[in-house]
C-alpha cells in the first residue's frame, strides 16, 4: 500500500501543476478513442508534437496522470514506439462503457 500511496502522491503533484494540460489531453484522448477504439500515451505524445500550441507539461509523467482515475479503462500492454519511451511497455486504454 505504501508504494501505491507514493504513486498517488506523485500523480497528484504532477496533476496540480498541469491541470489545463490534463484537461485538454483527456479531451484529446477521448477523441482518439472514439476514432480508433483505444488510445495510448504514445498517441497523445504524437498529437502534442503536431500541436505545439498546447504547450508541454512540466514533467513527462503527466501522460500517465491523464488516465489515472478517469473515464478510461486500462487494457493490454504494447511497446512504446517513442524514442523517449525506450521500448518500455505502455498501456492501451479504452473508454468505459456507459452503464
PDB file of N, CA and C in Angstrom:
ATOM      1  N   UNK A   1       0.815  -1.208   0.000  1.00  0.00           N
ATOM      2  CA  UNK A   1       0.000   0.000   0.000  1.00  0.00           C
ATOM      3  C   UNK A   1       0.854   1.266   0.000  1.00  0.00           C
ATOM      4  N   UNK A   2       2.019   1.194   0.621  1.00  0.00           N
ATOM      5  CA  UNK A   2       2.894   2.372   0.684  1.00  0.00           C
ATOM      6  C   UNK A   2       3.329   2.797  -0.721  1.00  0.00           C
ATOM      7  N   UNK A   3       3.620   1.834  -1.575  1.00  0.00           N
ATOM      8  CA  UNK A   3       4.037   2.159  -2.941  1.00  0.00           C
ATOM      9  C   UNK A   3       2.910   2.848  -3.703  1.00  0.00           C
ATOM     10  N   UNK A   4       1.691   2.371  -3.533  1.00  0.00           N
ATOM     11  CA  UNK A   4       0.551   2.998  -4.229  1.00  0.00           C
ATOM     12  C   UNK A   4       0.271   4.400  -3.693  1.00  0.00           C
ATOM     13  N   UNK A   5       0.436   4.578  -2.387  1.00  0.00           N
ATOM     14  CA  UNK A   5       0.251   5.926  -1.818  1.00  0.00           C
ATOM     15  C   UNK A   5       1.290   6.885  -2.375  1.00  0.00           C
ATOM     16  N   UNK A   6       2.525   6.419  -2.479  1.00  0.00           N
ATOM     17  CA  UNK A   6       3.592   7.262  -3.039  1.00  0.00           C
ATOM     18  C   UNK A   6       3.304   7.569  -4.509  1.00  0.00           C
ATOM     19  N   UNK A   7       2.838   6.575  -5.247  1.00  0.00           N
ATOM     20  CA  UNK A   7       2.465   6.797  -6.649  1.00  0.00           C
ATOM     21  C   UNK A   7       1.364   7.848  -6.749  1.00  0.00           C
ATOM     22  N   UNK A   8       0.331   7.691  -5.920  1.00  0.00           N
ATOM     23  CA  UNK A   8      -0.794   8.629  -5.965  1.00  0.00           C
ATOM     24  C   UNK A   8      -0.370  10.043  -5.571  1.00  0.00           C
ATOM     25  N   UNK A   9       0.524  10.164  -4.601  1.00  0.00           N
ATOM     26  CA  UNK A   9       1.038  11.491  -4.230  1.00  0.00           C
ATOM     27  C   UNK A   9       1.772  12.122  -5.405  1.00  0.00           C
ATOM     28  N   UNK A  10       2.583  11.332  -6.095  1.00  0.00           N
ATOM     29  CA  UNK A  10       3.309  11.840  -7.257  1.00  0.00           C
ATOM     30  C   UNK A  10       2.367  12.259  -8.370  1.00  0.00           C
ATOM     31  N   UNK A  11       1.341  11.457  -8.624  1.00  0.00           N
ATOM     32  CA  UNK A  11       0.356  11.791  -9.647  1.00  0.00           C
ATOM     33  C   UNK A  11      -0.382  13.064  -9.266  1.00  0.00           C
ATOM     34  N   UNK A  12      -0.772  13.187  -8.010  1.00  0.00           N
ATOM     35  CA  UNK A  12      -1.462  14.403  -7.567  1.00  0.00           C
ATOM     36  C   UNK A  12      -0.579  15.637  -7.716  1.00  0.00           C
ATOM     37  N   UNK A  13       0.699  15.487  -7.413  1.00  0.00           N
ATOM     38  CA  UNK A  13       1.630  16.612  -7.519  1.00  0.00           C
ATOM     39  C   UNK A  13       1.782  17.056  -8.977  1.00  0.00           C
ATOM     40  N   UNK A  14       2.005  16.110  -9.876  1.00  0.00           N
ATOM     41  CA  UNK A  14       2.181  16.470 -11.286  1.00  0.00           C
ATOM     42  C   UNK A  14       0.857  16.963 -11.881  1.00  0.00           C
ATOM     43  N   UNK A  15      -0.263  16.430 -11.411  1.00  0.00           N
ATOM     44  CA  UNK A  15      -1.571  16.863 -11.912  1.00  0.00           C
ATOM     45  C   UNK A  15      -1.875  18.301 -11.523  1.00  0.00           C
ATOM     46  N   UNK A  16      -1.557  18.653 -10.292  1.00  0.00           N
ATOM     47  CA  UNK A  16      -1.866  20.006  -9.831  1.00  0.00           C
ATOM     48  C   UNK A  16      -1.060  21.066 -10.595  1.00  0.00           C
ATOM     49  N   UNK A  17       0.118  20.698 -11.061  1.00  0.00           N
ATOM     50  CA  UNK A  17       0.957  21.642 -11.800  1.00  0.00           C
ATOM     51  C   UNK A  17       0.608  21.699 -13.289  1.00  0.00           C
ATOM     52  N   UNK A  18      -0.245  20.782 -13.751  1.00  0.00           N
ATOM     53  CA  UNK A  18      -0.547  20.675 -15.178  1.00  0.00           C
ATOM     54  C   UNK A  18      -2.038  20.524 -15.443  1.00  0.00           C
ATOM     55  N   UNK A  19      -2.863  21.169 -14.636  1.00  0.00           N
ATOM     56  CA  UNK A  19      -4.312  20.974 -14.711  1.00  0.00           C
ATOM     57  C   UNK A  19      -4.885  21.286 -16.090  1.00  0.00           C
ATOM     58  N   UNK A  20      -4.485  22.381 -16.693  1.00  0.00           N
ATOM     59  CA  UNK A  20      -5.015  22.758 -18.001  1.00  0.00           C
ATOM     60  C   UNK A  20      -4.567  21.760 -19.072  1.00  0.00           C
ATOM     61  N   UNK A  21      -3.311  21.384 -19.030  1.00  0.00           N
ATOM     62  CA  UNK A  21      -2.790  20.401 -19.981  1.00  0.00           C
ATOM     63  C   UNK A  21      -3.559  19.088 -19.837  1.00  0.00           C
ATOM     64  N   UNK A  22      -3.777  18.637 -18.603  1.00  0.00           N
ATOM     65  CA  UNK A  22      -4.510  17.390 -18.365  1.00  0.00           C
ATOM     66  C   UNK A  22      -5.923  17.452 -18.917  1.00  0.00           C
ATOM     67  N   UNK A  23      -6.602  18.531 -18.679  1.00  0.00           N
ATOM     68  CA  UNK A  23      -7.972  18.692 -19.168  1.00  0.00           C
ATOM     69  C   UNK A  23      -8.005  18.607 -20.696  1.00  0.00           C
ATOM     70  N   UNK A  24      -7.086  19.314 -21.329  1.00  0.00           N
ATOM     71  CA  UNK A  24      -7.001  19.292 -22.794  1.00  0.00           C
ATOM     72  C   UNK A  24      -6.699  17.889 -23.300  1.00  0.00           C
ATOM     73  N   UNK A  25      -5.728  17.234 -22.695  1.00  0.00           N
ATOM     74  CA  UNK A  25      -5.300  15.935 -23.188  1.00  0.00           C
ATOM     75  C   UNK A  25      -6.331  14.837 -22.910  1.00  0.00           C
ATOM     76  N   UNK A  26      -7.083  14.945 -21.838  1.00  0.00           N
ATOM     77  CA  UNK A  26      -8.168  13.970 -21.626  1.00  0.00           C
ATOM     78  C   UNK A  26      -9.215  14.101 -22.727  1.00  0.00           C
ATOM     79  N   UNK A  27      -9.480  15.329 -23.146  1.00  0.00           N
ATOM     80  CA  UNK A  27     -10.407  15.553 -24.241  1.00  0.00           C
ATOM     81  C   UNK A  27      -9.865  14.946 -25.539  1.00  0.00           C
ATOM     82  N   UNK A  28      -8.594  15.138 -25.794  1.00  0.00           N
ATOM     83  CA  UNK A  28      -7.958  14.578 -26.989  1.00  0.00           C
ATOM     84  C   UNK A  28      -7.954  13.053 -26.904  1.00  0.00           C
ATOM     85  N   UNK A  29      -7.690  12.506 -25.731  1.00  0.00           N
ATOM     86  CA  UNK A  29      -7.687  11.048 -25.558  1.00  0.00           C
ATOM     87  C   UNK A  29      -9.070  10.468 -25.853  1.00  0.00           C
ATOM     88  N   UNK A  30     -10.121  11.152 -25.405  1.00  0.00           N
ATOM     89  CA  UNK A  30     -11.483  10.691 -25.720  1.00  0.00           C
ATOM     90  C   UNK A  30     -11.719  10.713 -27.227  1.00  0.00           C
ATOM     91  N   UNK A  31     -11.273  11.779 -27.881  1.00  0.00           N
ATOM     92  CA  UNK A  31     -11.440  11.894 -29.323  1.00  0.00           C
ATOM     93  C   UNK A  31     -10.727  10.749 -30.048  1.00  0.00           C
ATOM     94  N   UNK A  32      -9.485  10.486 -29.678  1.00  0.00           N
ATOM     95  CA  UNK A  32      -8.716   9.406 -30.313  1.00  0.00           C
ATOM     96  C   UNK A  32      -9.394   8.064 -30.068  1.00  0.00           C
ATOM     97  N   UNK A  33      -9.869   7.834 -28.847  1.00  0.00           N
ATOM     98  CA  UNK A  33     -10.568   6.589 -28.522  1.00  0.00           C
ATOM     99  C   UNK A  33     -11.793   6.399 -29.404  1.00  0.00           C
ATOM    100  N   UNK A  34     -12.534   7.452 -29.588  1.00  0.00           N
ATOM    101  CA  UNK A  34     -13.740   7.344 -30.418  1.00  0.00           C
ATOM    102  C   UNK A  34     -13.385   7.075 -31.877  1.00  0.00           C
ATOM    103  N   UNK A  35     -12.232   7.561 -32.310  1.00  0.00           N
ATOM    104  CA  UNK A  35     -11.812   7.361 -33.704  1.00  0.00           C
ATOM    105  C   UNK A  35     -11.272   5.956 -33.956  1.00  0.00           C
ATOM    106  N   UNK A  36     -10.410   5.475 -33.053  1.00  0.00           N
ATOM    107  CA  UNK A  36      -9.773   4.189 -33.341  1.00  0.00           C
ATOM    108  C   UNK A  36     -10.053   3.099 -32.308  1.00  0.00           C
ATOM    109  N   UNK A  37     -10.839   3.429 -31.292  1.00  0.00           N
ATOM    110  CA  UNK A  37     -11.234   2.413 -30.318  1.00  0.00           C
ATOM    111  C   UNK A  37     -10.354   2.311 -29.092  1.00  0.00           C
ATOM    112  N   UNK A  38      -9.194   2.932 -29.120  1.00  0.00           N
ATOM    113  CA  UNK A  38      -8.278   2.905 -27.983  1.00  0.00           C
ATOM    114  C   UNK A  38      -7.306   4.077 -28.104  1.00  0.00           C
ATOM    115  N   UNK A  39      -6.549   4.305 -27.027  1.00  0.00           N
ATOM    116  CA  UNK A  39      -5.539   5.364 -27.028  1.00  0.00           C
ATOM    117  C   UNK A  39      -4.394   4.936 -26.117  1.00  0.00           C
ATOM    118  N   UNK A  40      -3.190   5.367 -26.455  1.00  0.00           N
ATOM    119  CA  UNK A  40      -2.013   5.142 -25.617  1.00  0.00           C
ATOM    120  C   UNK A  40      -1.327   6.486 -25.352  1.00  0.00           C
ATOM    121  N   UNK A  41      -0.406   6.475 -24.431  1.00  0.00           N
ATOM    122  CA  UNK A  41       0.364   7.699 -24.188  1.00  0.00           C
ATOM    123  C   UNK A  41       1.177   8.076 -25.423  1.00  0.00           C
ATOM    124  N   UNK A  42       1.617   7.096 -26.210  1.00  0.00           N
ATOM    125  CA  UNK A  42       2.313   7.396 -27.469  1.00  0.00           C
ATOM    126  C   UNK A  42       1.422   8.207 -28.406  1.00  0.00           C
ATOM    127  N   UNK A  43       0.139   7.828 -28.484  1.00  0.00           N
ATOM    128  CA  UNK A  43      -0.791   8.575 -29.336  1.00  0.00           C
ATOM    129  C   UNK A  43      -0.858  10.036 -28.902  1.00  0.00           C
ATOM    130  N   UNK A  44      -0.892  10.243 -27.600  1.00  0.00           N
ATOM    131  CA  UNK A  44      -1.018  11.605 -27.078  1.00  0.00           C
ATOM    132  C   UNK A  44       0.266  12.405 -27.272  1.00  0.00           C
ATOM    133  N   UNK A  45       1.397  11.767 -27.081  1.00  0.00           N
ATOM    134  CA  UNK A  45       2.675  12.456 -27.323  1.00  0.00           C
ATOM    135  C   UNK A  45       2.795  12.853 -28.796  1.00  0.00           C
ATOM    136  N   UNK A  46       2.365  11.964 -29.676  1.00  0.00           N
ATOM    137  CA  UNK A  46       2.388  12.260 -31.114  1.00  0.00           C
ATOM    138  C   UNK A  46       1.476  13.438 -31.423  1.00  0.00           C
ATOM    139  N   UNK A  47       0.287  13.456 -30.817  1.00  0.00           N
ATOM    140  CA  UNK A  47      -0.654  14.552 -31.045  1.00  0.00           C
ATOM    141  C   UNK A  47      -0.039  15.877 -30.581  1.00  0.00           C
ATOM    142  N   UNK A  48       0.567  15.889 -29.417  1.00  0.00           N
ATOM    143  CA  UNK A  48       1.197  17.106 -28.888  1.00  0.00           C
ATOM    144  C   UNK A  48       2.328  17.567 -29.805  1.00  0.00           C
ATOM    145  N   UNK A  49       3.073  16.627 -30.365  1.00  0.00           N
ATOM    146  CA  UNK A  49       4.172  17.025 -31.262  1.00  0.00           C
ATOM    147  C   UNK A  49       3.650  17.729 -32.512  1.00  0.00           C
ATOM    148  N   UNK A  50       2.415  17.405 -32.927  1.00  0.00           N
ATOM    149  CA  UNK A  50       1.816  18.069 -34.095  1.00  0.00           C
ATOM    150  C   UNK A  50       1.051  19.335 -33.727  1.00  0.00           C
ATOM    151  N   UNK A  51       0.834  19.555 -32.433  1.00  0.00           N
ATOM    152  CA  UNK A  51       0.080  20.717 -31.950  1.00  0.00           C
ATOM    153  C   UNK A  51       0.853  21.420 -30.833  1.00  0.00           C
ATOM    154  N   UNK A  52       1.976  22.039 -31.170  1.00  0.00           N
ATOM    155  CA  UNK A  52       2.821  22.663 -30.144  1.00  0.00           C
ATOM    156  C   UNK A  52       2.134  23.798 -29.395  1.00  0.00           C
ATOM    157  N   UNK A  53       1.037  24.330 -29.951  1.00  0.00           N
ATOM    158  CA  UNK A  53       0.324  25.404 -29.272  1.00  0.00           C
ATOM    159  C   UNK A  53      -0.263  24.958 -27.930  1.00  0.00           C
ATOM    160  N   UNK A  54      -0.401  23.662 -27.736  1.00  0.00           N
ATOM    161  CA  UNK A  54      -0.925  23.125 -26.473  1.00  0.00           C
ATOM    162  C   UNK A  54       0.085  23.334 -25.348  1.00  0.00           C
ATOM    163  N   UNK A  55       1.350  23.393 -25.708  1.00  0.00           N
ATOM    164  CA  UNK A  55       2.397  23.536 -24.712  1.00  0.00           C
ATOM    165  C   UNK A  55       2.896  22.182 -24.264  1.00  0.00           C
ATOM    166  N   UNK A  56       3.866  22.209 -23.403  1.00  0.00           N
ATOM    167  CA  UNK A  56       4.456  20.981 -22.886  1.00  0.00           C
ATOM    168  C   UNK A  56       4.202  20.905 -21.386  1.00  0.00           C
ATOM    169  N   UNK A  57       4.013  19.698 -20.882  1.00  0.00           N
ATOM    170  CA  UNK A  57       3.815  19.553 -19.439  1.00  0.00           C
ATOM    171  C   UNK A  57       5.113  19.808 -18.683  1.00  0.00           C
ATOM    172  N   UNK A  58       4.980  20.069 -17.391  1.00  0.00           N
ATOM    173  CA  UNK A  58       6.172  20.326 -16.571  1.00  0.00           C
ATOM    174  C   UNK A  58       6.988  19.057 -16.345  1.00  0.00           C
ATOM    175  N   UNK A  59       6.379  17.895 -16.524  1.00  0.00           N
ATOM    176  CA  UNK A  59       7.062  16.620 -16.317  1.00  0.00           C
ATOM    177  C   UNK A  59       6.419  15.574 -17.219  1.00  0.00           C
ATOM    178  N   UNK A  60       7.218  14.672 -17.761  1.00  0.00           N
ATOM    179  CA  UNK A  60       6.694  13.672 -18.688  1.00  0.00           C
ATOM    180  C   UNK A  60       5.729  12.689 -18.032  1.00  0.00           C
ATOM    181  N   UNK A  61       5.756  12.536 -16.713  1.00  0.00           N
ATOM    182  CA  UNK A  61       4.836  11.630 -16.031  1.00  0.00           C
ATOM    183  C   UNK A  61       3.382  12.078 -16.111  1.00  0.00           C
ATOM    184  N   UNK A  62       3.157  13.303 -16.543  1.00  0.00           N
ATOM    185  CA  UNK A  62       1.785  13.797 -16.659  1.00  0.00           C
ATOM    186  C   UNK A  62       0.993  12.954 -17.657  1.00  0.00           C
ATOM    187  N   UNK A  63       1.663  12.326 -18.613  1.00  0.00           N
ATOM    188  CA  UNK A  63       0.942  11.491 -19.575  1.00  0.00           C
ATOM    189  C   UNK A  63       0.261  10.309 -18.885  1.00  0.00           C
ATOM    190  N   UNK A  64       0.855   9.767 -17.862  1.00  0.00           N
ATOM    191  CA  UNK A  64       0.207   8.701 -17.098  1.00  0.00           C
ATOM    192  C   UNK A  64      -0.958   9.223 -16.282  1.00  0.00           C
ATOM    193  N   UNK A  65      -0.838  10.446 -15.804  1.00  0.00           N
ATOM    194  CA  UNK A  65      -1.902  11.045 -14.995  1.00  0.00           C
ATOM    195  C   UNK A  65      -3.169  11.284 -15.817  1.00  0.00           C
ATOM    196  N   UNK A  66      -3.035  11.385 -17.116  1.00  0.00           N
ATOM    197  CA  UNK A  66      -4.207  11.581 -17.979  1.00  0.00           C
ATOM    198  C   UNK A  66      -5.205  10.453 -17.773  1.00  0.00           C
ATOM    199  N   UNK A  67      -4.717   9.252 -17.563  1.00  0.00           N
ATOM    200  CA  UNK A  67      -5.575   8.073 -17.455  1.00  0.00           C
ATOM    201  C   UNK A  67      -5.922   7.691 -16.017  1.00  0.00           C
ATOM    202  N   UNK A  68      -5.282   8.318 -15.060  1.00  0.00           N
ATOM    203  CA  UNK A  68      -5.469   7.941 -13.652  1.00  0.00           C
ATOM    204  C   UNK A  68      -6.844   8.381 -13.148  1.00  0.00           C
ATOM    205  N   UNK A  69      -7.588   7.434 -12.621  1.00  0.00           N
ATOM    206  CA  UNK A  69      -8.915   7.699 -12.041  1.00  0.00           C
ATOM    207  C   UNK A  69      -9.795   8.533 -12.964  1.00  0.00           C
ATOM    208  N   UNK A  70      -9.899   8.114 -14.181  1.00  0.00           N
ATOM    209  CA  UNK A  70     -10.690   8.849 -15.155  1.00  0.00           C
ATOM    210  C   UNK A  70     -11.642   7.890 -15.848  1.00  0.00           C
ATOM    211  N   UNK A  71     -12.177   8.324 -16.949  1.00  0.00           N
ATOM    212  CA  UNK A  71     -13.154   7.525 -17.673  1.00  0.00           C
ATOM    213  C   UNK A  71     -12.514   6.474 -18.578  1.00  0.00           C
ATOM    214  N   UNK A  72     -11.220   6.259 -18.441  1.00  0.00           N
ATOM    215  CA  UNK A  72     -10.510   5.292 -19.268  1.00  0.00           C
ATOM    216  C   UNK A  72     -10.255   3.996 -18.507  1.00  0.00           C
ATOM    217  N   UNK A  73     -10.365   2.890 -19.225  1.00  0.00           N
ATOM    218  CA  UNK A  73     -10.122   1.568 -18.654  1.00  0.00           C
ATOM    219  C   UNK A  73      -8.794   1.062 -19.199  1.00  0.00           C
ATOM    220  N   UNK A  74      -7.858   0.690 -18.312  1.00  0.00           N
ATOM    221  CA  UNK A  74      -6.588   0.158 -18.802  1.00  0.00           C
ATOM    222  C   UNK A  74      -6.782  -1.243 -19.370  1.00  0.00           C
ATOM    223  N   UNK A  75      -6.049  -1.518 -20.454  1.00  0.00           N
ATOM    224  CA  UNK A  75      -6.126  -2.830 -21.086  1.00  0.00           C
ATOM    225  C   UNK A  75      -4.748  -3.444 -21.217  1.00  0.00           C
ATOM    226  N   UNK A  76      -4.524  -4.062 -22.351  1.00  0.00           N
ATOM    227  CA  UNK A  76      -3.273  -4.768 -22.586  1.00  0.00           C
ATOM    228  C   UNK A  76      -2.098  -3.796 -22.698  1.00  0.00           C
ATOM    229  N   UNK A  77      -0.917  -4.365 -22.717  1.00  0.00           N
ATOM    230  CA  UNK A  77       0.304  -3.581 -22.879  1.00  0.00           C
ATOM    231  C   UNK A  77       0.783  -3.674 -24.321  1.00  0.00           C
ATOM    232  N   UNK A  78       1.418  -2.606 -24.784  1.00  0.00           N
ATOM    233  CA  UNK A  78       2.125  -2.590 -26.062  1.00  0.00           C
ATOM    234  C   UNK A  78       3.488  -1.961 -25.792  1.00  0.00           C
ATOM    235  N   UNK A  79       4.385  -2.091 -26.735  1.00  0.00           N
ATOM    236  CA  UNK A  79       5.713  -1.495 -26.602  1.00  0.00           C
ATOM    237  C   UNK A  79       5.669  -0.073 -27.151  1.00  0.00           C
ATOM    238  N   UNK A  80       6.212   0.859 -26.383  1.00  0.00           N
ATOM    239  CA  UNK A  80       6.255   2.251 -26.816  1.00  0.00           C
ATOM    240  C   UNK A  80       7.126   2.395 -28.051  1.00  0.00           C
ATOM    241  N   UNK A  81       6.629   3.171 -28.992  1.00  0.00           N
ATOM    242  CA  UNK A  81       7.393   3.450 -30.205  1.00  0.00           C
ATOM    243  C   UNK A  81       8.117   4.786 -30.124  1.00  0.00           C
ATOM    244  N   UNK A  82       7.852   5.549 -29.077  1.00  0.00           N
ATOM    245  CA  UNK A  82       8.509   6.844 -28.888  1.00  0.00           C
ATOM    246  C   UNK A  82       9.965   6.620 -28.436  1.00  0.00           C
ATOM    247  N   UNK A  83      10.858   7.418 -28.955  1.00  0.00           N
ATOM    248  CA  UNK A  83      12.263   7.313 -28.545  1.00  0.00           C
ATOM    249  C   UNK A  83      12.367   7.491 -27.035  1.00  0.00           C
ATOM    250  N   UNK A  84      11.630   8.482 -26.510  1.00  0.00           N
ATOM    251  CA  UNK A  84      11.666   8.733 -25.069  1.00  0.00           C
ATOM    252  C   UNK A  84      11.111   7.553 -24.276  1.00  0.00           C
ATOM    253  N   UNK A  85      10.293   6.710 -24.917  1.00  0.00           N
ATOM    254  CA  UNK A  85       9.707   5.551 -24.257  1.00  0.00           C
ATOM    255  C   UNK A  85      10.678   4.408 -24.048  1.00  0.00           C
ATOM    256  N   UNK A  86      11.833   4.444 -24.713  1.00  0.00           N
ATOM    257  CA  UNK A  86      12.896   3.441 -24.546  1.00  0.00           C
ATOM    258  C   UNK A  86      12.397   2.006 -24.718  1.00  0.00           C
ATOM    259  N   UNK A  87      11.364   1.808 -25.518  1.00  0.00           N
ATOM    260  CA  UNK A  87      10.860   0.457 -25.731  1.00  0.00           C
ATOM    261  C   UNK A  87      10.125  -0.124 -24.534  1.00  0.00           C
ATOM    262  N   UNK A  88       9.769   0.719 -23.570  1.00  0.00           N
ATOM    263  CA  UNK A  88       9.023   0.240 -22.407  1.00  0.00           C
ATOM    264  C   UNK A  88       7.612  -0.159 -22.798  1.00  0.00           C
ATOM    265  N   UNK A  89       7.003  -0.966 -21.950  1.00  0.00           N
ATOM    266  CA  UNK A  89       5.610  -1.338 -22.169  1.00  0.00           C
ATOM    267  C   UNK A  89       4.706  -0.213 -21.674  1.00  0.00           C
ATOM    268  N   UNK A  90       3.697   0.100 -22.465  1.00  0.00           N
ATOM    269  CA  UNK A  90       2.713   1.110 -22.083  1.00  0.00           C
ATOM    270  C   UNK A  90       1.329   0.501 -22.230  1.00  0.00           C
ATOM    271  N   UNK A  91       0.377   1.062 -21.519  1.00  0.00           N
ATOM    272  CA  UNK A  91      -0.994   0.550 -21.547  1.00  0.00           C
ATOM    273  C   UNK A  91      -1.782   1.065 -22.731  1.00  0.00           C
ATOM    274  N   UNK A  92      -2.672   0.216 -23.180  1.00  0.00           N
ATOM    275  CA  UNK A  92      -3.708   0.608 -24.116  1.00  0.00           C
ATOM    276  C   UNK A  92      -4.916   0.947 -23.259  1.00  0.00           C
ATOM    277  N   UNK A  93      -5.561   2.068 -23.516  1.00  0.00           N
ATOM    278  CA  UNK A  93      -6.734   2.494 -22.739  1.00  0.00           C
ATOM    279  C   UNK A  93      -7.937   2.606 -23.657  1.00  0.00           C
ATOM    280  N   UNK A  94      -9.075   2.239 -23.096  1.00  0.00           N
ATOM    281  CA  UNK A  94     -10.345   2.367 -23.803  1.00  0.00           C
ATOM    282  C   UNK A  94     -11.297   3.162 -22.923  1.00  0.00           C
ATOM    283  N   UNK A  95     -12.303   3.748 -23.535  1.00  0.00           N
ATOM    284  CA  UNK A  95     -13.315   4.460 -22.767  1.00  0.00           C
ATOM    285  C   UNK A  95     -14.200   3.466 -22.027  1.00  0.00           C
ATOM    286  N   UNK A  96     -14.605   3.846 -20.815  1.00  0.00           N
ATOM    287  CA  UNK A  96     -15.532   2.999 -20.060  1.00  0.00           C
ATOM    288  C   UNK A  96     -16.850   2.936 -20.804  1.00  0.00           C
ATOM    289  N   UNK A  97     -17.452   1.801 -20.751  1.00  0.00           N
ATOM    290  CA  UNK A  97     -18.780   1.625 -21.359  1.00  0.00           C
ATOM    291  C   UNK A  97     -19.812   2.316 -20.486  1.00  0.00           C
ATOM    292  N   UNK A  98     -20.754   3.033 -21.095  1.00  0.00           N
ATOM    293  CA  UNK A  98     -21.815   3.658 -20.290  1.00  0.00           C
ATOM    294  C   UNK A  98     -22.665   2.586 -19.619  1.00  0.00           C
ATOM    295  N   UNK A  99     -23.123   2.882 -18.401  1.00  0.00           N
ATOM    296  CA  UNK A  99     -23.935   1.903 -17.643  1.00  0.00           C
ATOM    297  C   UNK A  99     -25.370   2.006 -17.976  1.00  0.00           C
TER     298      UNK A  99
END
